Amino acid sequence: MNINENGVSSTTQCALIKRHLLAGGSLTPLEAEQAPFRCMRLGARIYDLKQDGLKIDGQMIKVPSGKRVKRYKLSQS
């Protein structure tokens, strides 16, 4: 576990993200920066969750600003 500069531990971030995904939610890095996640490195937390056995898919999407980001959700298979 490490404490990030935003004051939230990576373990806490993983728990929040896992709960959100298990409830049927999806998440982009832009959304993850906001409360309650306050996660600046969503890709790293997704990696941690995958290492713990969670099956997570990512799909590139275009956001209103025109940027392309990855939206993560639980795998359907």
PDB file of N, CA and C in Angstrom:
ATOM      1  N   MET A   1       0.844  -1.182   0.000  1.00  0.00           N
ATOM      2  CA  MET A   1       0.000   0.000   0.000  1.00  0.00           C
ATOM      3  C   MET A   1       0.882   1.235   0.000  1.00  0.00           C
ATOM      4  N   ASN A   2       0.465   2.244  -0.734  1.00  0.00           N
ATOM      5  CA  ASN A   2       1.138   3.527  -0.652  1.00  0.00           C
ATOM      6  C   ASN A   2       0.094   4.625  -0.533  1.00  0.00           C
ATOM      7  N   ILE A   3       0.518   5.724   0.061  1.00  0.00           N
ATOM      8  CA  ILE A   3      -0.370   6.873   0.197  1.00  0.00           C
ATOM      9  C   ILE A   3      -0.055   7.818  -0.956  1.00  0.00           C
ATOM     10  N   ASN A   4      -1.049   8.140  -1.753  1.00  0.00           N
ATOM     11  CA  ASN A   4      -0.864   9.015  -2.895  1.00  0.00           C
ATOM     12  C   ASN A   4      -0.902  10.465  -2.449  1.00  0.00           C
ATOM     13  N   GLU A   5      -0.462  11.358  -3.336  1.00  0.00           N
ATOM     14  CA  GLU A   5      -0.420  12.772  -2.977  1.00  0.00           C
ATOM     15  C   GLU A   5      -1.802  13.348  -2.687  1.00  0.00           C
ATOM     16  N   ASN A   6      -2.861  12.674  -3.140  1.00  0.00           N
ATOM     17  CA  ASN A   6      -4.213  13.150  -2.840  1.00  0.00           C
ATOM     18  C   ASN A   6      -4.727  12.605  -1.511  1.00  0.00           C
ATOM     19  N   GLY A   7      -3.882  11.847  -0.797  1.00  0.00           N
ATOM     20  CA  GLY A   7      -4.229  11.377   0.534  1.00  0.00           C
ATOM     21  C   GLY A   7      -5.010  10.089   0.593  1.00  0.00           C
ATOM     22  N   VAL A   8      -5.226   9.439  -0.540  1.00  0.00           N
ATOM     23  CA  VAL A   8      -5.984   8.191  -0.582  1.00  0.00           C
ATOM     24  C   VAL A   8      -5.023   7.063  -0.928  1.00  0.00           C
ATOM     25  N   SER A   9      -5.066   5.975  -0.170  1.00  0.00           N
ATOM     26  CA  SER A   9      -4.148   4.867  -0.438  1.00  0.00           C
ATOM     27  C   SER A   9      -4.579   4.098  -1.676  1.00  0.00           C
ATOM     28  N   SER A  10      -3.612   3.456  -2.326  1.00  0.00           N
ATOM     29  CA  SER A  10      -3.926   2.651  -3.510  1.00  0.00           C
ATOM     30  C   SER A  10      -4.859   1.505  -3.146  1.00  0.00           C
ATOM     31  N   THR A  11      -4.741   0.977  -1.929  1.00  0.00           N
ATOM     32  CA  THR A  11      -5.621  -0.103  -1.478  1.00  0.00           C
ATOM     33  C   THR A  11      -7.067   0.391  -1.391  1.00  0.00           C
ATOM     34  N   THR A  12      -7.260   1.582  -0.852  1.00  0.00           N
ATOM     35  CA  THR A  12      -8.594   2.171  -0.752  1.00  0.00           C
ATOM     36  C   THR A  12      -9.162   2.441  -2.140  1.00  0.00           C
ATOM     37  N   GLN A  13      -8.327   2.969  -3.038  1.00  0.00           N
ATOM     38  CA  GLN A  13      -8.777   3.226  -4.401  1.00  0.00           C
ATOM     39  C   GLN A  13      -9.223   1.933  -5.070  1.00  0.00           C
ATOM     40  N   CYS A  14      -8.442   0.874  -4.912  1.00  0.00           N
ATOM     41  CA  CYS A  14      -8.801  -0.422  -5.502  1.00  0.00           C
ATOM     42  C   CYS A  14     -10.146  -0.900  -4.969  1.00  0.00           C
ATOM     43  N   ALA A  15     -10.358  -0.763  -3.675  1.00  0.00           N
ATOM     44  CA  ALA A  15     -11.616  -1.216  -3.071  1.00  0.00           C
ATOM     45  C   ALA A  15     -12.801  -0.427  -3.627  1.00  0.00           C
ATOM     46  N   LEU A  16     -12.654   0.883  -3.757  1.00  0.00           N
ATOM     47  CA  LEU A  16     -13.732   1.721  -4.294  1.00  0.00           C
ATOM     48  C   LEU A  16     -14.023   1.384  -5.752  1.00  0.00           C
ATOM     49  N   ILE A  17     -12.971   1.217  -6.533  1.00  0.00           N
ATOM     50  CA  ILE A  17     -13.135   0.901  -7.954  1.00  0.00           C
ATOM     51  C   ILE A  17     -13.751  -0.479  -8.120  1.00  0.00           C
ATOM     52  N   LYS A  18     -13.287  -1.448  -7.341  1.00  0.00           N
ATOM     53  CA  LYS A  18     -13.825  -2.809  -7.413  1.00  0.00           C
ATOM     54  C   LYS A  18     -15.316  -2.808  -7.091  1.00  0.00           C
ATOM     55  N   ARG A  19     -15.708  -2.129  -6.026  1.00  0.00           N
ATOM     56  CA  ARG A  19     -17.119  -2.061  -5.634  1.00  0.00           C
ATOM     57  C   ARG A  19     -17.952  -1.436  -6.755  1.00  0.00           C
ATOM     58  N   HIS A  20     -17.433  -0.382  -7.358  1.00  0.00           N
ATOM     59  CA  HIS A  20     -18.137   0.301  -8.445  1.00  0.00           C
ATOM     60  C   HIS A  20     -18.325  -0.628  -9.649  1.00  0.00           C
ATOM     61  N   LEU A  21     -17.279  -1.346 -10.034  1.00  0.00           N
ATOM     62  CA  LEU A  21     -17.360  -2.252 -11.181  1.00  0.00           C
ATOM     63  C   LEU A  21     -18.280  -3.433 -10.893  1.00  0.00           C
ATOM     64  N   LEU A  22     -18.201  -3.988  -9.694  1.00  0.00           N
ATOM     65  CA  LEU A  22     -19.055  -5.121  -9.329  1.00  0.00           C
ATOM     66  C   LEU A  22     -20.533  -4.731  -9.292  1.00  0.00           C
ATOM     67  N   ALA A  23     -20.806  -3.455  -9.059  1.00  0.00           N
ATOM     68  CA  ALA A  23     -22.188  -2.964  -9.048  1.00  0.00           C
ATOM     69  C   ALA A  23     -22.697  -2.687 -10.463  1.00  0.00           C
ATOM     70  N   GLY A  24     -21.866  -2.999 -11.469  1.00  0.00           N
ATOM     71  CA  GLY A  24     -22.282  -2.813 -12.853  1.00  0.00           C
ATOM     72  C   GLY A  24     -21.819  -1.515 -13.484  1.00  0.00           C
ATOM     73  N   GLY A  25     -21.015  -0.761 -12.757  1.00  0.00           N
ATOM     74  CA  GLY A  25     -20.544   0.516 -13.274  1.00  0.00           C
ATOM     75  C   GLY A  25     -19.364   0.372 -14.218  1.00  0.00           C
ATOM     76  N   SER A  26     -19.049   1.465 -14.880  1.00  0.00           N
ATOM     77  CA  SER A  26     -17.863   1.542 -15.716  1.00  0.00           C
ATOM     78  C   SER A  26     -17.135   2.826 -15.331  1.00  0.00           C
ATOM     79  N   LEU A  27     -15.893   2.966 -15.803  1.00  0.00           N
ATOM     80  CA  LEU A  27     -15.084   4.082 -15.321  1.00  0.00           C
ATOM     81  C   LEU A  27     -14.028   4.458 -16.347  1.00  0.00           C
ATOM     82  N   THR A  28     -13.855   5.765 -16.564  1.00  0.00           N
ATOM     83  CA  THR A  28     -12.764   6.281 -17.385  1.00  0.00           C
ATOM     84  C   THR A  28     -11.761   6.970 -16.456  1.00  0.00           C
ATOM     85  N   PRO A  29     -10.538   7.199 -16.937  1.00  0.00           N
ATOM     86  CA  PRO A  29      -9.577   7.927 -16.104  1.00  0.00           C
ATOM     87  C   PRO A  29     -10.082   9.305 -15.692  1.00  0.00           C
ATOM     88  N   LEU A  30     -10.826   9.968 -16.566  1.00  0.00           N
ATOM     89  CA  LEU A  30     -11.360  11.288 -16.236  1.00  0.00           C
ATOM     90  C   LEU A  30     -12.360  11.205 -15.085  1.00  0.00           C
ATOM     91  N   GLU A  31     -13.214  10.189 -15.111  1.00  0.00           N
ATOM     92  CA  GLU A  31     -14.190  10.000 -14.032  1.00  0.00           C
ATOM     93  C   GLU A  31     -13.500   9.576 -12.737  1.00  0.00           C
ATOM     94  N   ALA A  32     -12.427   8.796 -12.859  1.00  0.00           N
ATOM     95  CA  ALA A  32     -11.731   8.279 -11.680  1.00  0.00           C
ATOM     96  C   ALA A  32     -11.031   9.378 -10.890  1.00  0.00           C
ATOM     97  N   GLU A  33     -10.733  10.500 -11.545  1.00  0.00           N
ATOM     98  CA  GLU A  33     -10.082  11.611 -10.847  1.00  0.00           C
ATOM     99  C   GLU A  33     -11.021  12.292  -9.859  1.00  0.00           C
ATOM    100  N   GLN A  34     -12.316  12.126 -10.046  1.00  0.00           N
ATOM    101  CA  GLN A  34     -13.315  12.784  -9.206  1.00  0.00           C
ATOM    102  C   GLN A  34     -13.598  11.955  -7.950  1.00  0.00           C
ATOM    103  N   ALA A  35     -14.248  12.602  -6.974  1.00  0.00           N
ATOM    104  CA  ALA A  35     -14.677  11.893  -5.771  1.00  0.00           C
ATOM    105  C   ALA A  35     -15.720  10.864  -6.169  1.00  0.00           C
ATOM    106  N   PRO A  36     -15.808   9.729  -5.543  1.00  0.00           N
ATOM    107  CA  PRO A  36     -15.072   9.336  -4.345  1.00  0.00           C
ATOM    108  C   PRO A  36     -13.735   8.661  -4.642  1.00  0.00           C
ATOM    109  N   PHE A  37     -13.423   8.435  -5.928  1.00  0.00           N
ATOM    110  CA  PHE A  37     -12.236   7.649  -6.265  1.00  0.00           C
ATOM    111  C   PHE A  37     -10.937   8.427  -6.051  1.00  0.00           C
ATOM    112  N   ARG A  38     -10.883   9.656  -6.523  1.00  0.00           N
ATOM    113  CA  ARG A  38      -9.691  10.510  -6.449  1.00  0.00           C
ATOM    114  C   ARG A  38      -8.438   9.749  -6.880  1.00  0.00           C
ATOM    115  N   CYS A  39      -8.552   9.079  -8.010  1.00  0.00           N
ATOM    116  CA  CYS A  39      -7.489   8.214  -8.513  1.00  0.00           C
ATOM    117  C   CYS A  39      -6.858   8.853  -9.746  1.00  0.00           C
ATOM    118  N   MET A  40      -5.578   9.179  -9.661  1.00  0.00           N
ATOM    119  CA  MET A  40      -4.875   9.790 -10.783  1.00  0.00           C
ATOM    120  C   MET A  40      -4.245   8.747 -11.703  1.00  0.00           C
ATOM    121  N   ARG A  41      -4.199   7.492 -11.280  1.00  0.00           N
ATOM    122  CA  ARG A  41      -3.572   6.428 -12.066  1.00  0.00           C
ATOM    123  C   ARG A  41      -4.514   5.229 -12.170  1.00  0.00           C
ATOM    124  N   LEU A  42      -5.631   5.415 -12.863  1.00  0.00           N
ATOM    125  CA  LEU A  42      -6.629   4.356 -12.972  1.00  0.00           C
ATOM    126  C   LEU A  42      -6.039   3.106 -13.611  1.00  0.00           C
ATOM    127  N   GLY A  43      -5.199   3.263 -14.622  1.00  0.00           N
ATOM    128  CA  GLY A  43      -4.590   2.104 -15.274  1.00  0.00           C
ATOM    129  C   GLY A  43      -3.819   1.233 -14.297  1.00  0.00           C
ATOM    130  N   ALA A  44      -3.126   1.854 -13.354  1.00  0.00           N
ATOM    131  CA  ALA A  44      -2.375   1.100 -12.346  1.00  0.00           C
ATOM    132  C   ALA A  44      -3.317   0.350 -11.413  1.00  0.00           C
ATOM    133  N   ARG A  45      -4.421   0.994 -11.022  1.00  0.00           N
ATOM    134  CA  ARG A  45      -5.380   0.324 -10.144  1.00  0.00           C
ATOM    135  C   ARG A  45      -6.090  -0.811 -10.885  1.00  0.00           C
ATOM    136  N   ILE A  46      -6.385  -0.633 -12.171  1.00  0.00           N
ATOM    137  CA  ILE A  46      -6.990  -1.701 -12.971  1.00  0.00           C
ATOM    138  C   ILE A  46      -6.020  -2.873 -13.047  1.00  0.00           C
ATOM    139  N   TYR A  47      -4.744  -2.587 -13.233  1.00  0.00           N
ATOM    140  CA  TYR A  47      -3.723  -3.639 -13.253  1.00  0.00           C
ATOM    141  C   TYR A  47      -3.735  -4.411 -11.930  1.00  0.00           C
ATOM    142  N   ASP A  48      -3.776  -3.681 -10.808  1.00  0.00           N
ATOM    143  CA  ASP A  48      -3.808  -4.325  -9.487  1.00  0.00           C
ATOM    144  C   ASP A  48      -5.022  -5.246  -9.359  1.00  0.00           C
ATOM    145  N   LEU A  49      -6.183  -4.765  -9.791  1.00  0.00           N
ATOM    146  CA  LEU A  49      -7.408  -5.562  -9.696  1.00  0.00           C
ATOM    147  C   LEU A  49      -7.343  -6.795 -10.596  1.00  0.00           C
ATOM    148  N   LYS A  50      -6.746  -6.648 -11.774  1.00  0.00           N
ATOM    149  CA  LYS A  50      -6.576  -7.805 -12.662  1.00  0.00           C
ATOM    150  C   LYS A  50      -5.640  -8.828 -12.028  1.00  0.00           C
ATOM    151  N   GLN A  51      -4.600  -8.361 -11.360  1.00  0.00           N
ATOM    152  CA  GLN A  51      -3.674  -9.265 -10.681  1.00  0.00           C
ATOM    153  C   GLN A  51      -4.375 -10.021  -9.554  1.00  0.00           C
ATOM    154  N   ASP A  52      -5.411  -9.424  -8.990  1.00  0.00           N
ATOM    155  CA  ASP A  52      -6.203 -10.074  -7.940  1.00  0.00           C
ATOM    156  C   ASP A  52      -7.279 -10.997  -8.512  1.00  0.00           C
ATOM    157  N   GLY A  53      -7.337 -11.118  -9.848  1.00  0.00           N
ATOM    158  CA  GLY A  53      -8.253 -12.070 -10.472  1.00  0.00           C
ATOM    159  C   GLY A  53      -9.513 -11.496 -11.082  1.00  0.00           C
ATOM    160  N   LEU A  54      -9.716 -10.193 -10.995  1.00  0.00           N
ATOM    161  CA  LEU A  54     -10.908  -9.590 -11.588  1.00  0.00           C
ATOM    162  C   LEU A  54     -10.741  -9.532 -13.107  1.00  0.00           C
ATOM    163  N   LYS A  55     -11.774  -9.901 -13.833  1.00  0.00           N
ATOM    164  CA  LYS A  55     -11.766  -9.864 -15.301  1.00  0.00           C
ATOM    165  C   LYS A  55     -12.332  -8.512 -15.738  1.00  0.00           C
ATOM    166  N   ILE A  56     -11.465  -7.650 -16.242  1.00  0.00           N
ATOM    167  CA  ILE A  56     -11.856  -6.293 -16.610  1.00  0.00           C
ATOM    168  C   ILE A  56     -11.517  -6.049 -18.075  1.00  0.00           C
ATOM    169  N   ASP A  57     -12.484  -5.501 -18.806  1.00  0.00           N
ATOM    170  CA  ASP A  57     -12.285  -5.127 -20.208  1.00  0.00           C
ATOM    171  C   ASP A  57     -12.154  -3.615 -20.310  1.00  0.00           C
ATOM    172  N   GLY A  58     -11.447  -3.175 -21.330  1.00  0.00           N
ATOM    173  CA  GLY A  58     -11.335  -1.755 -21.610  1.00  0.00           C
ATOM    174  C   GLY A  58     -11.666  -1.480 -23.061  1.00  0.00           C
ATOM    175  N   GLN A  59     -12.380  -0.397 -23.309  1.00  0.00           N
ATOM    176  CA  GLN A  59     -12.743  -0.019 -24.668  1.00  0.00           C
ATOM    177  C   GLN A  59     -12.436   1.461 -24.856  1.00  0.00           C
ATOM    178  N   MET A  60     -11.768   1.792 -25.958  1.00  0.00           N
ATOM    179  CA  MET A  60     -11.462   3.184 -26.257  1.00  0.00           C
ATOM    180  C   MET A  60     -12.746   3.888 -26.696  1.00  0.00           C
ATOM    181  N   ILE A  61     -12.983   5.063 -26.106  1.00  0.00           N
ATOM    182  CA  ILE A  61     -14.148   5.873 -26.472  1.00  0.00           C
ATOM    183  C   ILE A  61     -13.688   7.309 -26.712  1.00  0.00           C
ATOM    184  N   LYS A  62     -14.509   8.074 -27.408  1.00  0.00           N
ATOM    185  CA  LYS A  62     -14.219   9.489 -27.618  1.00  0.00           C
ATOM    186  C   LYS A  62     -15.121  10.297 -26.690  1.00  0.00           C
ATOM    187  N   VAL A  63     -14.521  11.187 -25.910  1.00  0.00           N
ATOM    188  CA  VAL A  63     -15.282  12.034 -24.990  1.00  0.00           C
ATOM    189  C   VAL A  63     -15.649  13.336 -25.710  1.00  0.00           C
ATOM    190  N   PRO A  64     -16.579  14.130 -25.158  1.00  0.00           N
ATOM    191  CA  PRO A  64     -17.041  15.346 -25.840  1.00  0.00           C
ATOM    192  C   PRO A  64     -15.926  16.304 -26.277  1.00  0.00           C
ATOM    193  N   SER A  65     -14.815  16.326 -25.563  1.00  0.00           N
ATOM    194  CA  SER A  65     -13.714  17.218 -25.943  1.00  0.00           C
ATOM    195  C   SER A  65     -12.975  16.721 -27.179  1.00  0.00           C
ATOM    196  N   GLY A  66     -13.287  15.495 -27.615  1.00  0.00           N
ATOM    197  CA  GLY A  66     -12.621  14.917 -28.773  1.00  0.00           C
ATOM    198  C   GLY A  66     -11.489  13.969 -28.418  1.00  0.00           C
ATOM    199  N   LYS A  67     -11.086  13.964 -27.149  1.00  0.00           N
ATOM    200  CA  LYS A  67     -10.021  13.062 -26.717  1.00  0.00           C
ATOM    201  C   LYS A  67     -10.538  11.632 -26.664  1.00  0.00           C
ATOM    202  N   ARG A  68      -9.617  10.701 -26.831  1.00  0.00           N
ATOM    203  CA  ARG A  68      -9.957   9.282 -26.719  1.00  0.00           C
ATOM    204  C   ARG A  68      -9.404   8.775 -25.390  1.00  0.00           C
ATOM    205  N   VAL A  69     -10.256   8.108 -24.635  1.00  0.00           N
ATOM    206  CA  VAL A  69      -9.868   7.526 -23.345  1.00  0.00           C
ATOM    207  C   VAL A  69     -10.412   6.108 -23.273  1.00  0.00           C
ATOM    208  N   LYS A  70      -9.906   5.352 -22.337  1.00  0.00           N
ATOM    209  CA  LYS A  70     -10.369   3.976 -22.176  1.00  0.00           C
ATOM    210  C   LYS A  70     -11.431   3.916 -21.080  1.00  0.00           C
ATOM    211  N   ARG A  71     -12.551   3.233 -21.376  1.00  0.00           N
ATOM    212  CA  ARG A  71     -13.611   2.991 -20.394  1.00  0.00           C
ATOM    213  C   ARG A  71     -13.497   1.548 -19.948  1.00  0.00           C
ATOM    214  N   TYR A  72     -13.342   1.359 -18.631  1.00  0.00           N
ATOM    215  CA  TYR A  72     -13.182   0.023 -18.050  1.00  0.00           C
ATOM    216  C   TYR A  72     -14.494  -0.461 -17.464  1.00  0.00           C
ATOM    217  N   LYS A  73     -14.762  -1.758 -17.626  1.00  0.00           N
ATOM    218  CA  LYS A  73     -15.920  -2.400 -17.004  1.00  0.00           C
ATOM    219  C   LYS A  73     -15.593  -3.876 -16.830  1.00  0.00           C
ATOM    220  N   LEU A  74     -16.404  -4.560 -16.019  1.00  0.00           N
ATOM    221  CA  LEU A  74     -16.184  -5.992 -15.830  1.00  0.00           C
ATOM    222  C   LEU A  74     -16.452  -6.739 -17.122  1.00  0.00           C
ATOM    223  N   SER A  75     -15.663  -7.768 -17.357  1.00  0.00           N
ATOM    224  CA  SER A  75     -15.828  -8.609 -18.535  1.00  0.00           C
ATOM    225  C   SER A  75     -17.137  -9.375 -18.442  1.00  0.00           C
ATOM    226  N   GLN A  76     -17.825  -9.517 -19.566  1.00  0.00           N
ATOM    227  CA  GLN A  76     -19.085 -10.260 -19.608  1.00  0.00           C
ATOM    228  C   GLN A  76     -18.866 -11.763 -19.690  1.00  0.00           C
ATOM    229  N   SER A  77     -17.654 -12.192 -20.050  1.00  0.00           N
ATOM    230  CA  SER A  77     -17.392 -13.636 -20.192  1.00  0.00           C
ATOM    231  C   SER A  77     -16.762 -14.225 -18.956  1.00  0.00           C
TER     232      SER A  77
END
